[in-house]
N, C-alpha and C. Protein backbone atom coordinates (compact mmCIF):
# COMPACT_ATOMS: atom_id res chain seq x y z
N MET A 1 0.82 -1.19 0.00
CA MET A 1 0.00 0.00 0.00
C MET A 1 0.86 1.25 0.00
N ALA A 2 1.97 1.23 0.68
CA ALA A 2 2.85 2.40 0.72
C ALA A 2 3.41 2.69 -0.67
N LYS A 3 3.69 1.65 -1.44
CA LYS A 3 4.24 1.85 -2.77
C LYS A 3 3.25 2.59 -3.67
N ARG A 4 1.98 2.26 -3.54
CA ARG A 4 0.96 2.91 -4.36
C ARG A 4 0.85 4.39 -4.01
N GLU A 5 0.95 4.73 -2.75
CA GLU A 5 0.88 6.13 -2.34
C GLU A 5 2.05 6.93 -2.88
N ILE A 6 3.21 6.33 -2.98
CA ILE A 6 4.38 7.03 -3.48
C ILE A 6 4.20 7.34 -4.96
N GLY A 7 3.68 6.43 -5.72
CA GLY A 7 3.54 6.60 -7.17
C GLY A 7 2.29 7.34 -7.61
N TRP A 8 1.41 7.67 -6.69
CA TRP A 8 0.15 8.28 -7.06
C TRP A 8 0.25 9.80 -7.09
N HIS A 9 -0.28 10.41 -8.17
CA HIS A 9 -0.33 11.87 -8.29
C HIS A 9 -1.72 12.27 -8.71
N SER A 10 -2.21 13.38 -8.17
CA SER A 10 -3.56 13.85 -8.50
C SER A 10 -3.63 14.30 -9.95
N GLN A 11 -4.84 14.38 -10.45
CA GLN A 11 -5.05 14.83 -11.82
C GLN A 11 -4.56 16.27 -11.99
N GLY A 12 -4.77 17.09 -10.98
CA GLY A 12 -4.29 18.48 -11.02
C GLY A 12 -2.78 18.55 -11.14
N PHE A 13 -2.09 17.69 -10.40
CA PHE A 13 -0.63 17.64 -10.47
C PHE A 13 -0.18 17.22 -11.86
N ARG A 14 -0.85 16.21 -12.41
CA ARG A 14 -0.51 15.73 -13.75
C ARG A 14 -0.69 16.83 -14.79
N GLU A 15 -1.81 17.55 -14.70
CA GLU A 15 -2.07 18.63 -15.65
C GLU A 15 -1.02 19.73 -15.54
N MET A 16 -0.65 20.07 -14.29
CA MET A 16 0.37 21.09 -14.06
C MET A 16 1.71 20.62 -14.64
N ALA A 17 2.05 19.36 -14.42
CA ALA A 17 3.31 18.82 -14.93
C ALA A 17 3.33 18.83 -16.45
N LEU A 18 2.22 18.48 -17.08
CA LEU A 18 2.16 18.46 -18.54
C LEU A 18 2.20 19.88 -19.11
N GLU A 19 1.62 20.83 -18.40
CA GLU A 19 1.69 22.23 -18.83
C GLU A 19 3.15 22.71 -18.80
N GLN A 20 3.86 22.37 -17.72
CA GLN A 20 5.27 22.74 -17.64
C GLN A 20 6.09 22.03 -18.70
N LEU A 21 5.71 20.80 -19.03
CA LEU A 21 6.42 20.03 -20.05
C LEU A 21 6.35 20.73 -21.41
N ARG A 22 5.22 21.35 -21.69
CA ARG A 22 5.06 22.04 -22.98
C ARG A 22 6.06 23.18 -23.16
N THR A 23 6.42 23.83 -22.06
CA THR A 23 7.25 25.03 -22.16
C THR A 23 8.68 24.84 -21.65
N CYS A 24 9.00 23.65 -21.17
CA CYS A 24 10.33 23.47 -20.56
C CYS A 24 11.41 23.31 -21.62
N GLN A 25 12.62 23.65 -21.22
CA GLN A 25 13.78 23.52 -22.09
C GLN A 25 14.47 22.16 -21.92
N HIS A 26 14.43 21.64 -20.68
CA HIS A 26 15.16 20.41 -20.38
C HIS A 26 14.23 19.48 -19.59
N ILE A 27 13.83 18.39 -20.22
CA ILE A 27 12.88 17.47 -19.60
C ILE A 27 13.47 16.81 -18.35
N GLY A 28 14.74 16.49 -18.39
CA GLY A 28 15.39 15.83 -17.24
C GLY A 28 15.32 16.69 -15.99
N LYS A 29 15.58 17.99 -16.13
CA LYS A 29 15.52 18.89 -14.98
C LYS A 29 14.09 19.01 -14.45
N LEU A 30 13.13 19.05 -15.37
CA LEU A 30 11.72 19.13 -14.96
C LEU A 30 11.34 17.88 -14.16
N CYS A 31 11.74 16.72 -14.63
CA CYS A 31 11.44 15.48 -13.92
C CYS A 31 12.05 15.48 -12.51
N GLU A 32 13.27 16.00 -12.39
CA GLU A 32 13.90 16.09 -11.07
C GLU A 32 13.12 17.03 -10.16
N GLU A 33 12.74 18.19 -10.68
CA GLU A 33 11.99 19.17 -9.89
C GLU A 33 10.67 18.59 -9.40
N LEU A 34 9.99 17.86 -10.28
CA LEU A 34 8.67 17.32 -9.94
C LEU A 34 8.76 16.01 -9.16
N GLY A 35 9.91 15.34 -9.23
CA GLY A 35 10.05 14.04 -8.58
C GLY A 35 9.29 12.96 -9.33
N VAL A 36 9.30 13.07 -10.65
CA VAL A 36 8.55 12.14 -11.51
C VAL A 36 9.52 11.53 -12.51
N ASN A 37 9.33 10.25 -12.79
CA ASN A 37 10.14 9.56 -13.77
C ASN A 37 9.78 10.05 -15.17
N ARG A 38 10.78 10.06 -16.08
CA ARG A 38 10.53 10.48 -17.46
C ARG A 38 9.45 9.63 -18.12
N ASN A 39 9.53 8.33 -17.91
CA ASN A 39 8.55 7.43 -18.53
C ASN A 39 7.15 7.72 -18.02
N THR A 40 7.03 8.05 -16.75
CA THR A 40 5.72 8.39 -16.19
C THR A 40 5.19 9.66 -16.85
N LEU A 41 6.04 10.64 -17.03
CA LEU A 41 5.64 11.89 -17.67
C LEU A 41 5.21 11.64 -19.12
N ARG A 42 5.94 10.81 -19.82
CA ARG A 42 5.58 10.47 -21.20
C ARG A 42 4.24 9.73 -21.25
N GLN A 43 4.03 8.84 -20.28
CA GLN A 43 2.77 8.09 -20.22
C GLN A 43 1.60 9.05 -20.00
N TRP A 44 1.78 10.01 -19.09
CA TRP A 44 0.72 11.00 -18.84
C TRP A 44 0.42 11.79 -20.10
N ARG A 45 1.49 12.13 -20.84
CA ARG A 45 1.29 12.90 -22.08
C ARG A 45 0.51 12.08 -23.10
N ARG A 46 0.84 10.80 -23.25
CA ARG A 46 0.10 9.94 -24.19
C ARG A 46 -1.37 9.82 -23.78
N GLN A 47 -1.61 9.64 -22.49
CA GLN A 47 -2.99 9.53 -22.00
C GLN A 47 -3.76 10.82 -22.28
N MET A 48 -3.12 11.97 -22.05
CA MET A 48 -3.78 13.25 -22.29
C MET A 48 -4.10 13.42 -23.78
N GLU A 49 -3.15 13.06 -24.64
CA GLU A 49 -3.37 13.17 -26.08
C GLU A 49 -4.50 12.24 -26.53
N ALA A 50 -4.57 11.04 -25.96
CA ALA A 50 -5.64 10.10 -26.31
C ALA A 50 -7.00 10.66 -25.90
N ARG A 51 -7.07 11.24 -24.68
CA ARG A 51 -8.33 11.84 -24.23
C ARG A 51 -8.71 13.02 -25.12
N SER A 52 -7.73 13.80 -25.51
CA SER A 52 -7.97 14.96 -26.37
C SER A 52 -8.52 14.51 -27.72
N GLU A 53 -7.96 13.44 -28.28
CA GLU A 53 -8.43 12.92 -29.56
C GLU A 53 -9.86 12.39 -29.43
N GLN A 54 -10.17 11.73 -28.33
CA GLN A 54 -11.53 11.23 -28.12
C GLN A 54 -12.51 12.38 -28.05
N ARG A 55 -12.15 13.45 -27.31
CA ARG A 55 -13.02 14.62 -27.21
C ARG A 55 -13.23 15.25 -28.58
N THR A 56 -12.16 15.34 -29.36
CA THR A 56 -12.26 15.93 -30.69
C THR A 56 -13.18 15.10 -31.57
N ALA A 57 -13.04 13.80 -31.54
CA ALA A 57 -13.88 12.92 -32.35
C ALA A 57 -15.34 13.04 -31.95
N SER A 58 -15.61 13.07 -30.65
CA SER A 58 -17.00 13.18 -30.21
C SER A 58 -17.56 14.56 -30.53
N THR A 59 -16.75 15.61 -30.46
CA THR A 59 -17.20 16.95 -30.81
C THR A 59 -17.55 17.03 -32.28
N VAL A 60 -16.73 16.43 -33.13
CA VAL A 60 -17.00 16.42 -34.56
C VAL A 60 -18.28 15.66 -34.85
N ALA A 61 -18.49 14.52 -34.17
CA ALA A 61 -19.71 13.74 -34.37
C ALA A 61 -20.93 14.55 -33.95
N LEU A 62 -20.86 15.23 -32.81
CA LEU A 62 -21.98 16.05 -32.35
C LEU A 62 -22.22 17.21 -33.29
N ALA A 63 -21.17 17.83 -33.78
CA ALA A 63 -21.33 18.94 -34.71
C ALA A 63 -21.98 18.46 -35.99
N GLY A 64 -21.56 17.29 -36.48
CA GLY A 64 -22.16 16.73 -37.69
C GLY A 64 -23.63 16.44 -37.48
N GLU A 65 -23.98 15.90 -36.32
CA GLU A 65 -25.38 15.59 -36.03
C GLU A 65 -26.18 16.89 -35.94
N THR A 66 -25.62 17.89 -35.31
CA THR A 66 -26.31 19.16 -35.18
C THR A 66 -26.53 19.80 -36.54
N LEU A 67 -25.54 19.71 -37.41
CA LEU A 67 -25.68 20.26 -38.76
C LEU A 67 -26.76 19.52 -39.54
N GLU A 68 -26.82 18.21 -39.37
CA GLU A 68 -27.87 17.45 -40.05
C GLU A 68 -29.25 17.85 -39.55
N GLN A 69 -29.38 18.04 -38.24
CA GLN A 69 -30.67 18.46 -37.68
C GLN A 69 -31.05 19.84 -38.21
N GLU A 70 -30.09 20.74 -38.24
CA GLU A 70 -30.38 22.08 -38.74
C GLU A 70 -30.74 22.03 -40.22
N ASN A 71 -30.06 21.19 -40.97
CA ASN A 71 -30.37 21.04 -42.39
C ASN A 71 -31.80 20.55 -42.59
N ARG A 72 -32.22 19.55 -41.80
CA ARG A 72 -33.61 19.06 -41.89
C ARG A 72 -34.61 20.15 -41.53
N ARG A 73 -34.30 20.92 -40.47
CA ARG A 73 -35.19 21.99 -40.04
C ARG A 73 -35.32 23.05 -41.13
N LEU A 74 -34.21 23.41 -41.75
CA LEU A 74 -34.25 24.42 -42.80
C LEU A 74 -34.99 23.92 -44.04
N LYS A 75 -34.82 22.65 -44.37
CA LYS A 75 -35.55 22.09 -45.51
C LYS A 75 -37.06 22.11 -45.26
N ARG A 76 -37.47 21.79 -44.02
CA ARG A 76 -38.90 21.85 -43.69
C ARG A 76 -39.42 23.28 -43.79
N ALA A 77 -38.64 24.23 -43.28
CA ALA A 77 -39.05 25.64 -43.33
C ALA A 77 -39.16 26.11 -44.77
N LEU A 78 -38.22 25.70 -45.62
CA LEU A 78 -38.27 26.07 -47.03
C LEU A 78 -39.51 25.48 -47.70
N ALA A 79 -39.80 24.22 -47.41
CA ALA A 79 -40.98 23.58 -47.99
C ALA A 79 -42.26 24.31 -47.57
N GLU A 80 -42.35 24.72 -46.31
CA GLU A 80 -43.52 25.46 -45.85
C GLU A 80 -43.64 26.79 -46.58
N LYS A 81 -42.52 27.49 -46.77
CA LYS A 81 -42.55 28.78 -47.46
C LYS A 81 -42.94 28.61 -48.92
N VAL A 82 -42.49 27.54 -49.56
CA VAL A 82 -42.86 27.27 -50.95
C VAL A 82 -44.36 27.05 -51.04
N LEU A 83 -44.92 26.30 -50.08
CA LEU A 83 -46.37 26.09 -50.08
C LEU A 83 -47.13 27.40 -49.87
N GLU A 84 -46.63 28.25 -48.97
CA GLU A 84 -47.27 29.55 -48.75
C GLU A 84 -47.25 30.39 -50.02
N VAL A 85 -46.10 30.41 -50.70
CA VAL A 85 -45.98 31.20 -51.93
C VAL A 85 -46.95 30.66 -52.98
N ASP A 86 -47.02 29.34 -53.15
CA ASP A 86 -47.95 28.75 -54.11
C ASP A 86 -49.38 29.12 -53.78
N PHE A 87 -49.74 29.04 -52.50
CA PHE A 87 -51.10 29.39 -52.09
C PHE A 87 -51.40 30.85 -52.40
N LEU A 88 -50.47 31.74 -52.02
CA LEU A 88 -50.70 33.17 -52.25
C LEU A 88 -50.73 33.52 -53.73
N GLN A 89 -49.90 32.88 -54.53
CA GLN A 89 -49.95 33.12 -55.97
C GLN A 89 -51.28 32.67 -56.56
N GLY A 90 -51.78 31.52 -56.10
CA GLY A 90 -53.09 31.05 -56.56
C GLY A 90 -54.19 32.02 -56.17
N ALA A 91 -54.15 32.52 -54.93
CA ALA A 91 -55.15 33.48 -54.49
C ALA A 91 -55.04 34.76 -55.29
N LEU A 92 -53.85 35.23 -55.58
CA LEU A 92 -53.65 36.44 -56.36
C LEU A 92 -54.21 36.28 -57.77
N HIS A 93 -53.99 35.11 -58.37
CA HIS A 93 -54.54 34.86 -59.72
C HIS A 93 -56.06 34.90 -59.70
N GLN A 94 -56.67 34.35 -58.67
CA GLN A 94 -58.13 34.39 -58.57
C GLN A 94 -58.64 35.81 -58.43
N VAL A 95 -57.98 36.60 -57.60
CA VAL A 95 -58.38 37.99 -57.41
C VAL A 95 -58.24 38.77 -58.71
N GLU A 96 -57.13 38.56 -59.42
CA GLU A 96 -56.93 39.24 -60.70
C GLU A 96 -57.99 38.83 -61.72
N ALA A 97 -58.31 37.53 -61.72
CA ALA A 97 -59.33 37.05 -62.66
C ALA A 97 -60.68 37.69 -62.35
N ARG A 98 -61.06 37.79 -61.10
CA ARG A 98 -62.33 38.43 -60.73
C ARG A 98 -62.33 39.90 -61.12
N ARG A 99 -61.17 40.55 -60.86
CA ARG A 99 -61.09 41.97 -61.19
C ARG A 99 -61.23 42.18 -62.69
N ARG A 100 -60.61 41.34 -63.47
CA ARG A 100 -60.72 41.47 -64.94
C ARG A 100 -62.16 41.27 -65.40
N ARG A 101 -62.83 40.29 -64.80
CA ARG A 101 -64.24 40.06 -65.18
C ARG A 101 -65.10 41.26 -64.81
N ASN A 102 -64.85 41.81 -63.63
CA ASN A 102 -65.65 42.95 -63.19
C ASN A 102 -65.38 44.19 -64.05
N ILE A 103 -64.14 44.41 -64.43
CA ILE A 103 -63.81 45.56 -65.27
C ILE A 103 -64.40 45.37 -66.66
N ALA A 104 -64.28 44.14 -67.18
CA ALA A 104 -64.79 43.86 -68.52
C ALA A 104 -66.31 43.96 -68.55
N SER A 105 -66.99 43.60 -67.48
CA SER A 105 -68.45 43.62 -67.47
C SER A 105 -68.99 44.98 -67.06
N GLY A 106 -68.11 45.89 -66.64
CA GLY A 106 -68.57 47.21 -66.22
C GLY A 106 -69.03 47.23 -64.78
N GLY A 107 -68.81 46.16 -64.03
CA GLY A 107 -69.22 46.09 -62.62
C GLY A 107 -68.26 46.84 -61.74
N PRO A 108 -68.52 46.83 -60.44
CA PRO A 108 -67.64 47.52 -59.53
C PRO A 108 -66.24 46.87 -59.50
N ALA A 109 -65.22 47.69 -59.30
CA ALA A 109 -63.84 47.20 -59.34
C ALA A 109 -63.37 46.81 -57.95
N PHE A 110 -64.11 45.94 -57.34
CA PHE A 110 -63.68 45.43 -56.03
C PHE A 110 -64.08 43.99 -55.93
N THR A 111 -63.52 43.32 -55.00
CA THR A 111 -63.82 41.90 -54.82
C THR A 111 -64.90 41.78 -53.74
N PRO A 112 -65.78 40.82 -53.88
CA PRO A 112 -66.82 40.66 -52.86
C PRO A 112 -66.23 40.18 -51.53
N LYS A 113 -66.95 40.47 -50.46
CA LYS A 113 -66.52 39.99 -49.15
C LYS A 113 -66.66 38.48 -49.11
N SER A 114 -65.83 37.84 -48.32
CA SER A 114 -65.92 36.39 -48.23
C SER A 114 -67.23 36.03 -47.56
N GLY A 115 -67.84 34.97 -48.05
CA GLY A 115 -69.11 34.49 -47.52
C GLY A 115 -70.30 35.03 -48.30
N GLU A 116 -70.08 35.87 -49.29
CA GLU A 116 -71.20 36.41 -50.07
C GLU A 116 -71.43 35.57 -51.30
């Protein structure tokens, strides 16, 4: 049990050590200062890089899924707008046709109220 306590370092310590590793000039001196073996420091770096790659892959997957959802939402919105435009164009053609008939027949130049 004592051996495990000697070799154990908190996650905060590991992160601090890896941050110093990024900017250090001499890895051997850093290992001496921290009281950590070079191989242990390298292992921590590999583990951190692996976690970073996993996060990146999952972020890309989530971003792709989000883009697909947004694409579907925009396609639905576009389809609704196309239907609205078709409906309004049809209504406009009917109004124009009524107006032409009324002008040609000499009747009033307005459209009747709905329900008449």
